[in-house]
Amino acid sequence: MPARALFIAGAGTEIGKTYVTAALTRRLRAQGRAVRTVKPLASGVPPLSDPGFIESDTARLLDAQGLALDEEAVEACSPWRFAAPLSPDQAAVLEGRSLDLADLVGWCRDEIARAEGTLLIEGVGGLMSPVTETATGLDWLRALGLPALLVSGSYLGAISHALTACETLRFHGVKLRAVAVSESPGAPAPVATVAAAIARHAGAPVFCLRRGDACPEELAGLI
């Protein structure tokens, strides 16, 4: 049976996308489902030998899958890693490297073809963040033709950002499976209040994840 694949996109940067992806991974595993989670393109990732690597997005996703933090697992999860915490196109320039959208899409398609069960592909930054000199995260998602789980924060302004991302996905024909609102530290309104406001307009199921909470069973059930 073909793998079920889902792209996790962000309404912005540093809003809890990896937190939600890791929580979803743990929930699917707890349900006894086969799941593989990757973040092919990652910025702000120090070398594996650096003590700070354990705080990287790649390390958090490997931990959620119960995988060892070794070179093979890191490469299999995030083949394109950059040290600078910048958009990948900028980080690549600093390292004298380049990235082609066709290579990124091709790698993802190979993973989809060989995956068993569910494959979660976490994007990088926000939906419209550049991933190469000429392509954005939206271009990457559209090229793969996958449904999306949109992750939003609960900070001031998050409602508008989330709904703008929802409309962008809808305009470009991307199926929006659900919206997950991740609690932002210091947000002026409770995350449930923000999620309820987004739900009134999103046209898709909306779930909220407070920090420390497990992924809702209902969200995992949509995957």
C-alpha atoms as a PDB file:
ATOM      1  CA  MET A   1       0.000   0.000   0.000  1.00  0.00           C
ATOM      2  CA  PRO A   2       1.409   3.444  -0.882  1.00  0.00           C
ATOM      3  CA  ALA A   3       2.689   5.513   2.021  1.00  0.00           C
ATOM      4  CA  ARG A   4       0.569   8.288   3.432  1.00  0.00           C
ATOM      5  CA  ALA A   5       2.641  11.452   3.212  1.00  0.00           C
ATOM      6  CA  LEU A   6       1.983  14.833   4.808  1.00  0.00           C
ATOM      7  CA  PHE A   7       3.853  18.129   4.578  1.00  0.00           C
ATOM      8  CA  ILE A   8       4.053  20.190   7.777  1.00  0.00           C
ATOM      9  CA  ALA A   9       4.156  23.868   6.819  1.00  0.00           C
ATOM     10  CA  GLY A  10       4.483  26.928   9.014  1.00  0.00           C
ATOM     11  CA  ALA A  11       2.518  30.160   9.019  1.00  0.00           C
ATOM     12  CA  GLY A  12       5.766  31.766  10.177  1.00  0.00           C
ATOM     13  CA  THR A  13       9.205  31.051  11.586  1.00  0.00           C
ATOM     14  CA  GLU A  14      10.024  29.881  15.123  1.00  0.00           C
ATOM     15  CA  ILE A  15       6.379  29.189  15.962  1.00  0.00           C
ATOM     16  CA  GLY A  16       6.565  25.567  17.116  1.00  0.00           C
ATOM     17  CA  LYS A  17       6.522  23.662  13.827  1.00  0.00           C
ATOM     18  CA  THR A  18       9.076  21.098  15.003  1.00  0.00           C
ATOM     19  CA  TYR A  19       7.355  20.815  18.380  1.00  0.00           C
ATOM     20  CA  VAL A  20       4.088  19.913  16.647  1.00  0.00           C
ATOM     21  CA  THR A  21       5.810  17.554  14.199  1.00  0.00           C
ATOM     22  CA  ALA A  22       7.576  15.730  17.031  1.00  0.00           C
ATOM     23  CA  ALA A  23       4.367  15.504  19.066  1.00  0.00           C
ATOM     24  CA  LEU A  24       2.481  14.115  16.063  1.00  0.00           C
ATOM     25  CA  THR A  25       5.261  11.585  15.459  1.00  0.00           C
ATOM     26  CA  ARG A  26       5.071  10.370  19.067  1.00  0.00           C
ATOM     27  CA  ARG A  27       1.285  10.100  18.920  1.00  0.00           C
ATOM     28  CA  LEU A  28       1.355   8.044  15.707  1.00  0.00           C
ATOM     29  CA  ARG A  29       3.977   5.729  17.193  1.00  0.00           C
ATOM     30  CA  ALA A  30       1.899   5.346  20.354  1.00  0.00           C
ATOM     31  CA  GLN A  31      -1.000   4.267  18.160  1.00  0.00           C
ATOM     32  CA  GLY A  32       1.201   1.510  16.775  1.00  0.00           C
ATOM     33  CA  ARG A  33       1.493   3.123  13.364  1.00  0.00           C
ATOM     34  CA  ALA A  34       4.649   3.008  11.266  1.00  0.00           C
ATOM     35  CA  VAL A  35       5.894   6.570  10.824  1.00  0.00           C
ATOM     36  CA  ARG A  36       9.034   8.156   9.431  1.00  0.00           C
ATOM     37  CA  THR A  37       9.660  11.853   9.999  1.00  0.00           C
ATOM     38  CA  VAL A  38      12.161  13.955   8.077  1.00  0.00           C
ATOM     39  CA  LYS A  39      13.206  17.563   7.828  1.00  0.00           C
ATOM     40  CA  PRO A  40      15.202  17.524   4.597  1.00  0.00           C
ATOM     41  CA  LEU A  41      16.248  21.148   4.801  1.00  0.00           C
ATOM     42  CA  ALA A  42      17.333  22.602   8.140  1.00  0.00           C
ATOM     43  CA  SER A  43      19.104  25.807   9.186  1.00  0.00           C
ATOM     44  CA  GLY A  44      20.722  26.571  12.516  1.00  0.00           C
ATOM     45  CA  VAL A  45      22.038  23.034  12.885  1.00  0.00           C
ATOM     46  CA  PRO A  46      25.495  22.735  14.496  1.00  0.00           C
ATOM     47  CA  PRO A  47      27.743  19.733  13.823  1.00  0.00           C
ATOM     48  CA  LEU A  48      26.774  16.490  15.518  1.00  0.00           C
ATOM     49  CA  SER A  49      29.902  16.800  17.686  1.00  0.00           C
ATOM     50  CA  ASP A  50      28.690  20.142  19.069  1.00  0.00           C
ATOM     51  CA  PRO A  51      26.880  19.850  22.448  1.00  0.00           C
ATOM     52  CA  GLY A  52      24.241  22.213  21.055  1.00  0.00           C
ATOM     53  CA  PHE A  53      23.201  19.719  18.399  1.00  0.00           C
ATOM     54  CA  ILE A  54      20.776  18.072  20.814  1.00  0.00           C
ATOM     55  CA  GLU A  55      18.680  21.265  20.718  1.00  0.00           C
ATOM     56  CA  SER A  56      18.427  21.269  16.915  1.00  0.00           C
ATOM     57  CA  ASP A  57      15.238  20.478  15.031  1.00  0.00           C
ATOM     58  CA  THR A  58      16.877  17.413  13.509  1.00  0.00           C
ATOM     59  CA  ALA A  59      17.789  16.039  16.936  1.00  0.00           C
ATOM     60  CA  ARG A  60      14.268  16.631  18.268  1.00  0.00           C
ATOM     61  CA  LEU A  61      12.710  14.742  15.363  1.00  0.00           C
ATOM     62  CA  LEU A  62      15.119  11.819  15.711  1.00  0.00           C
ATOM     63  CA  ASP A  63      14.360  11.653  19.432  1.00  0.00           C
ATOM     64  CA  ALA A  64      10.620  11.585  18.701  1.00  0.00           C
ATOM     65  CA  GLN A  65      11.237   8.545  16.492  1.00  0.00           C
ATOM     66  CA  GLY A  66      13.347   6.796  19.110  1.00  0.00           C
ATOM     67  CA  LEU A  67      16.409   6.920  16.851  1.00  0.00           C
ATOM     68  CA  ALA A  68      20.035   7.283  17.904  1.00  0.00           C
ATOM     69  CA  LEU A  69      21.801  10.562  17.211  1.00  0.00           C
ATOM     70  CA  ASP A  70      24.452   9.247  14.845  1.00  0.00           C
ATOM     71  CA  GLU A  71      25.760  10.426  11.482  1.00  0.00           C
ATOM     72  CA  GLU A  72      23.653   7.981   9.473  1.00  0.00           C
ATOM     73  CA  ALA A  73      20.387   8.941  11.175  1.00  0.00           C
ATOM     74  CA  VAL A  74      21.138  12.670  10.958  1.00  0.00           C
ATOM     75  CA  GLU A  75      21.924  12.439   7.237  1.00  0.00           C
ATOM     76  CA  ALA A  76      18.798  10.371   6.587  1.00  0.00           C
ATOM     77  CA  CYS A  77      16.595  12.914   8.386  1.00  0.00           C
ATOM     78  CA  SER A  78      18.164  16.181   7.219  1.00  0.00           C
ATOM     79  CA  PRO A  79      20.476  15.795   4.229  1.00  0.00           C
ATOM     80  CA  TRP A  80      20.727  19.559   3.703  1.00  0.00           C
ATOM     81  CA  ARG A  81      21.896  21.162   6.948  1.00  0.00           C
ATOM     82  CA  PHE A  82      23.251  24.672   7.444  1.00  0.00           C
ATOM     83  CA  ALA A  83      24.869  26.132  10.536  1.00  0.00           C
ATOM     84  CA  ALA A  84      23.539  29.689  10.287  1.00  0.00           C
ATOM     85  CA  PRO A  85      19.998  30.278  11.647  1.00  0.00           C
ATOM     86  CA  LEU A  86      18.909  31.960   8.412  1.00  0.00           C
ATOM     87  CA  SER A  87      16.673  31.072   5.500  1.00  0.00           C
ATOM     88  CA  PRO A  88      18.356  28.211   3.612  1.00  0.00           C
ATOM     89  CA  ASP A  89      19.173  30.329   0.561  1.00  0.00           C
ATOM     90  CA  GLN A  90      21.078  32.827   2.739  1.00  0.00           C
ATOM     91  CA  ALA A  91      22.696  30.163   4.906  1.00  0.00           C
ATOM     92  CA  ALA A  92      23.888  28.316   1.796  1.00  0.00           C
ATOM     93  CA  VAL A  93      25.598  31.439   0.460  1.00  0.00           C
ATOM     94  CA  LEU A  94      27.519  31.851   3.731  1.00  0.00           C
ATOM     95  CA  GLU A  95      28.821  28.303   3.384  1.00  0.00           C
ATOM     96  CA  GLY A  96      29.603  28.602  -0.320  1.00  0.00           C
ATOM     97  CA  ARG A  97      26.978  26.013  -1.172  1.00  0.00           C
ATOM     98  CA  SER A  98      23.932  25.939  -3.420  1.00  0.00           C
ATOM     99  CA  LEU A  99      20.613  24.136  -3.372  1.00  0.00           C
ATOM    100  CA  ASP A 100      18.379  23.283  -6.306  1.00  0.00           C
ATOM    101  CA  LEU A 101      14.643  22.776  -5.843  1.00  0.00           C
ATOM    102  CA  ALA A 102      14.667  19.812  -8.226  1.00  0.00           C
ATOM    103  CA  ASP A 103      17.178  17.986  -6.007  1.00  0.00           C
ATOM    104  CA  LEU A 104      15.106  18.669  -2.894  1.00  0.00           C
ATOM    105  CA  VAL A 105      11.869  17.549  -4.541  1.00  0.00           C
ATOM    106  CA  GLY A 106      13.562  14.480  -6.020  1.00  0.00           C
ATOM    107  CA  TRP A 107      14.882  13.408  -2.615  1.00  0.00           C
ATOM    108  CA  CYS A 108      11.427  13.776  -1.076  1.00  0.00           C
ATOM    109  CA  ARG A 109       9.795  11.788  -3.861  1.00  0.00           C
ATOM    110  CA  ASP A 110      12.294   8.981  -3.357  1.00  0.00           C
ATOM    111  CA  GLU A 111      11.450   8.948   0.357  1.00  0.00           C
ATOM    112  CA  ILE A 112       7.733   8.827  -0.389  1.00  0.00           C
ATOM    113  CA  ALA A 113       8.250   5.934  -2.792  1.00  0.00           C
ATOM    114  CA  ARG A 114      10.218   3.845  -0.289  1.00  0.00           C
ATOM    115  CA  ALA A 115       8.306   4.733   2.870  1.00  0.00           C
ATOM    116  CA  GLU A 116       6.088   2.283   4.678  1.00  0.00           C
ATOM    117  CA  GLY A 117       3.159   3.610   6.687  1.00  0.00           C
ATOM    118  CA  THR A 118       3.169   7.375   7.172  1.00  0.00           C
ATOM    119  CA  LEU A 119       5.833   9.848   6.069  1.00  0.00           C
ATOM    120  CA  LEU A 120       5.916  13.292   7.682  1.00  0.00           C
ATOM    121  CA  ILE A 121       7.958  15.938   5.853  1.00  0.00           C
ATOM    122  CA  GLU A 122       8.581  19.076   7.885  1.00  0.00           C
ATOM    123  CA  GLY A 123       9.254  22.217   5.895  1.00  0.00           C
ATOM    124  CA  VAL A 124      11.557  25.037   6.922  1.00  0.00           C
ATOM    125  CA  GLY A 125      10.590  28.491   8.161  1.00  0.00           C
ATOM    126  CA  GLY A 126       7.281  29.902   7.027  1.00  0.00           C
ATOM    127  CA  LEU A 127       5.249  28.904   4.009  1.00  0.00           C
ATOM    128  CA  MET A 128       6.680  31.726   1.888  1.00  0.00           C
ATOM    129  CA  SER A 129      10.237  31.547   3.227  1.00  0.00           C
ATOM    130  CA  PRO A 130      12.826  31.153   0.450  1.00  0.00           C
ATOM    131  CA  VAL A 131      14.360  27.684   0.246  1.00  0.00           C
ATOM    132  CA  THR A 132      16.561  28.401  -2.786  1.00  0.00           C
ATOM    133  CA  GLU A 133      17.486  31.529  -4.712  1.00  0.00           C
ATOM    134  CA  THR A 134      14.344  31.179  -6.827  1.00  0.00           C
ATOM    135  CA  ALA A 135      11.897  28.992  -4.859  1.00  0.00           C
ATOM    136  CA  THR A 136       9.857  29.286  -1.663  1.00  0.00           C
ATOM    137  CA  GLY A 137       8.473  26.727   0.726  1.00  0.00           C
ATOM    138  CA  LEU A 138       5.176  26.966  -1.138  1.00  0.00           C
ATOM    139  CA  ASP A 139       6.913  26.044  -4.402  1.00  0.00           C
ATOM    140  CA  TRP A 140       8.417  23.009  -2.666  1.00  0.00           C
ATOM    141  CA  LEU A 141       5.044  21.930  -1.290  1.00  0.00           C
ATOM    142  CA  ARG A 142       3.247  22.413  -4.610  1.00  0.00           C
ATOM    143  CA  ALA A 143       5.894  20.428  -6.475  1.00  0.00           C
ATOM    144  CA  LEU A 144       5.339  17.486  -4.136  1.00  0.00           C
ATOM    145  CA  GLY A 145       1.556  17.665  -4.456  1.00  0.00           C
ATOM    146  CA  LEU A 146       1.029  16.634  -0.823  1.00  0.00           C
ATOM    147  CA  PRO A 147      -1.665  17.697   1.640  1.00  0.00           C
ATOM    148  CA  ALA A 148      -0.496  20.067   4.351  1.00  0.00           C
ATOM    149  CA  LEU A 149      -0.756  20.438   8.081  1.00  0.00           C
ATOM    150  CA  LEU A 150      -0.359  24.141   8.833  1.00  0.00           C
ATOM    151  CA  VAL A 151       1.272  25.112  12.122  1.00  0.00           C
ATOM    152  CA  SER A 152       0.581  28.503  13.672  1.00  0.00           C
ATOM    153  CA  GLY A 153       1.698  30.170  16.860  1.00  0.00           C
ATOM    154  CA  SER A 154      -0.582  31.953  19.335  1.00  0.00           C
ATOM    155  CA  TYR A 155       1.395  35.221  19.532  1.00  0.00           C
ATOM    156  CA  LEU A 156      -0.183  38.604  18.804  1.00  0.00           C
ATOM    157  CA  GLY A 157      -0.825  38.655  15.050  1.00  0.00           C
ATOM    158  CA  ALA A 158      -0.903  34.866  14.691  1.00  0.00           C
ATOM    159  CA  ILE A 159      -4.566  34.786  13.674  1.00  0.00           C
ATOM    160  CA  SER A 160      -3.967  36.967  10.621  1.00  0.00           C
ATOM    161  CA  HIS A 161      -0.780  35.092   9.704  1.00  0.00           C
ATOM    162  CA  ALA A 162      -2.516  31.715   9.960  1.00  0.00           C
ATOM    163  CA  LEU A 163      -5.547  32.752   7.930  1.00  0.00           C
ATOM    164  CA  THR A 164      -3.355  34.360   5.272  1.00  0.00           C
ATOM    165  CA  ALA A 165      -1.440  31.076   4.980  1.00  0.00           C
ATOM    166  CA  CYS A 166      -4.726  29.141   4.769  1.00  0.00           C
ATOM    167  CA  GLU A 167      -5.930  31.347   1.926  1.00  0.00           C
ATOM    168  CA  THR A 168      -2.571  31.033   0.153  1.00  0.00           C
ATOM    169  CA  LEU A 169      -2.740  27.242   0.291  1.00  0.00           C
ATOM    170  CA  ARG A 170      -6.335  27.258  -0.904  1.00  0.00           C
ATOM    171  CA  PHE A 171      -5.565  29.631  -3.778  1.00  0.00           C
ATOM    172  CA  HIS A 172      -2.763  27.366  -4.976  1.00  0.00           C
ATOM    173  CA  GLY A 173      -4.838  24.193  -4.761  1.00  0.00           C
ATOM    174  CA  VAL A 174      -3.032  22.651  -1.774  1.00  0.00           C
ATOM    175  CA  LYS A 175      -5.286  20.456   0.369  1.00  0.00           C
ATOM    176  CA  LEU A 176      -5.223  21.703   3.955  1.00  0.00           C
ATOM    177  CA  ARG A 177      -5.655  18.717   6.231  1.00  0.00           C
ATOM    178  CA  ALA A 178      -5.732  20.723   9.488  1.00  0.00           C
ATOM    179  CA  VAL A 179      -4.283  23.655  11.409  1.00  0.00           C
ATOM    180  CA  ALA A 180      -2.317  23.117  14.622  1.00  0.00           C
ATOM    181  CA  VAL A 181      -1.927  26.155  16.877  1.00  0.00           C
ATOM    182  CA  SER A 182       1.161  25.856  19.026  1.00  0.00           C
ATOM    183  CA  GLU A 183       1.254  27.870  22.245  1.00  0.00           C
ATOM    184  CA  SER A 184       3.657  30.811  22.005  1.00  0.00           C
ATOM    185  CA  PRO A 185       5.516  31.839  25.178  1.00  0.00           C
ATOM    186  CA  GLY A 186       4.229  35.141  26.540  1.00  0.00           C
ATOM    187  CA  ALA A 187       1.248  35.344  24.193  1.00  0.00           C
ATOM    188  CA  PRO A 188      -1.394  37.849  25.386  1.00  0.00           C
ATOM    189  CA  ALA A 189      -4.337  35.458  24.808  1.00  0.00           C
ATOM    190  CA  PRO A 190      -4.810  31.794  25.717  1.00  0.00           C
ATOM    191  CA  VAL A 191      -3.911  29.421  22.891  1.00  0.00           C
ATOM    192  CA  ALA A 192      -7.462  28.020  22.896  1.00  0.00           C
ATOM    193  CA  THR A 193      -8.841  31.515  22.247  1.00  0.00           C
ATOM    194  CA  VAL A 194      -6.509  31.997  19.296  1.00  0.00           C
ATOM    195  CA  ALA A 195      -7.346  28.545  17.927  1.00  0.00           C
ATOM    196  CA  ALA A 196     -11.084  29.257  18.184  1.00  0.00           C
ATOM    197  CA  ALA A 197     -10.684  32.491  16.231  1.00  0.00           C
ATOM    198  CA  ILE A 198      -8.711  30.739  13.499  1.00  0.00           C
ATOM    199  CA  ALA A 199     -11.270  27.909  13.382  1.00  0.00           C
ATOM    200  CA  ARG A 200     -14.074  30.326  12.541  1.00  0.00           C
ATOM    201  CA  HIS A 201     -12.403  31.179   9.230  1.00  0.00           C
ATOM    202  CA  ALA A 202      -9.865  28.470   8.334  1.00  0.00           C
ATOM    203  CA  GLY A 203     -12.177  26.062   6.539  1.00  0.00           C
ATOM    204  CA  ALA A 204     -10.312  23.108   8.073  1.00  0.00           C
ATOM    205  CA  PRO A 205     -10.139  21.406  11.486  1.00  0.00           C
ATOM    206  CA  VAL A 206      -8.124  23.412  14.018  1.00  0.00           C
ATOM    207  CA  PHE A 207      -6.332  21.982  17.067  1.00  0.00           C
ATOM    208  CA  CYS A 208      -4.312  23.626  19.807  1.00  0.00           C
ATOM    209  CA  LEU A 209      -1.185  22.284  21.499  1.00  0.00           C
ATOM    210  CA  ARG A 210      -0.100  23.763  24.784  1.00  0.00           C
ATOM    211  CA  ARG A 211       3.573  23.392  25.622  1.00  0.00           C
ATOM    212  CA  GLY A 212       4.099  20.021  27.248  1.00  0.00           C
ATOM    213  CA  ASP A 213       0.854  18.558  25.896  1.00  0.00           C
ATOM    214  CA  ALA A 214       0.711  15.469  23.738  1.00  0.00           C
ATOM    215  CA  CYS A 215      -0.665  15.654  20.215  1.00  0.00           C
ATOM    216  CA  PRO A 216      -4.462  15.366  20.223  1.00  0.00           C
ATOM    217  CA  GLU A 217      -5.732  11.940  19.186  1.00  0.00           C
ATOM    218  CA  GLU A 218      -8.179  13.611  16.804  1.00  0.00           C
ATOM    219  CA  LEU A 219      -5.368  15.353  14.923  1.00  0.00           C
ATOM    220  CA  ALA A 220      -3.414  12.111  14.518  1.00  0.00           C
ATOM    221  CA  GLY A 221      -6.608  10.484  13.303  1.00  0.00           C
ATOM    222  CA  LEU A 222      -6.703  12.848  10.320  1.00  0.00           C
ATOM    223  CA  ILE A 223      -3.278  11.738   9.108  1.00  0.00           C
END
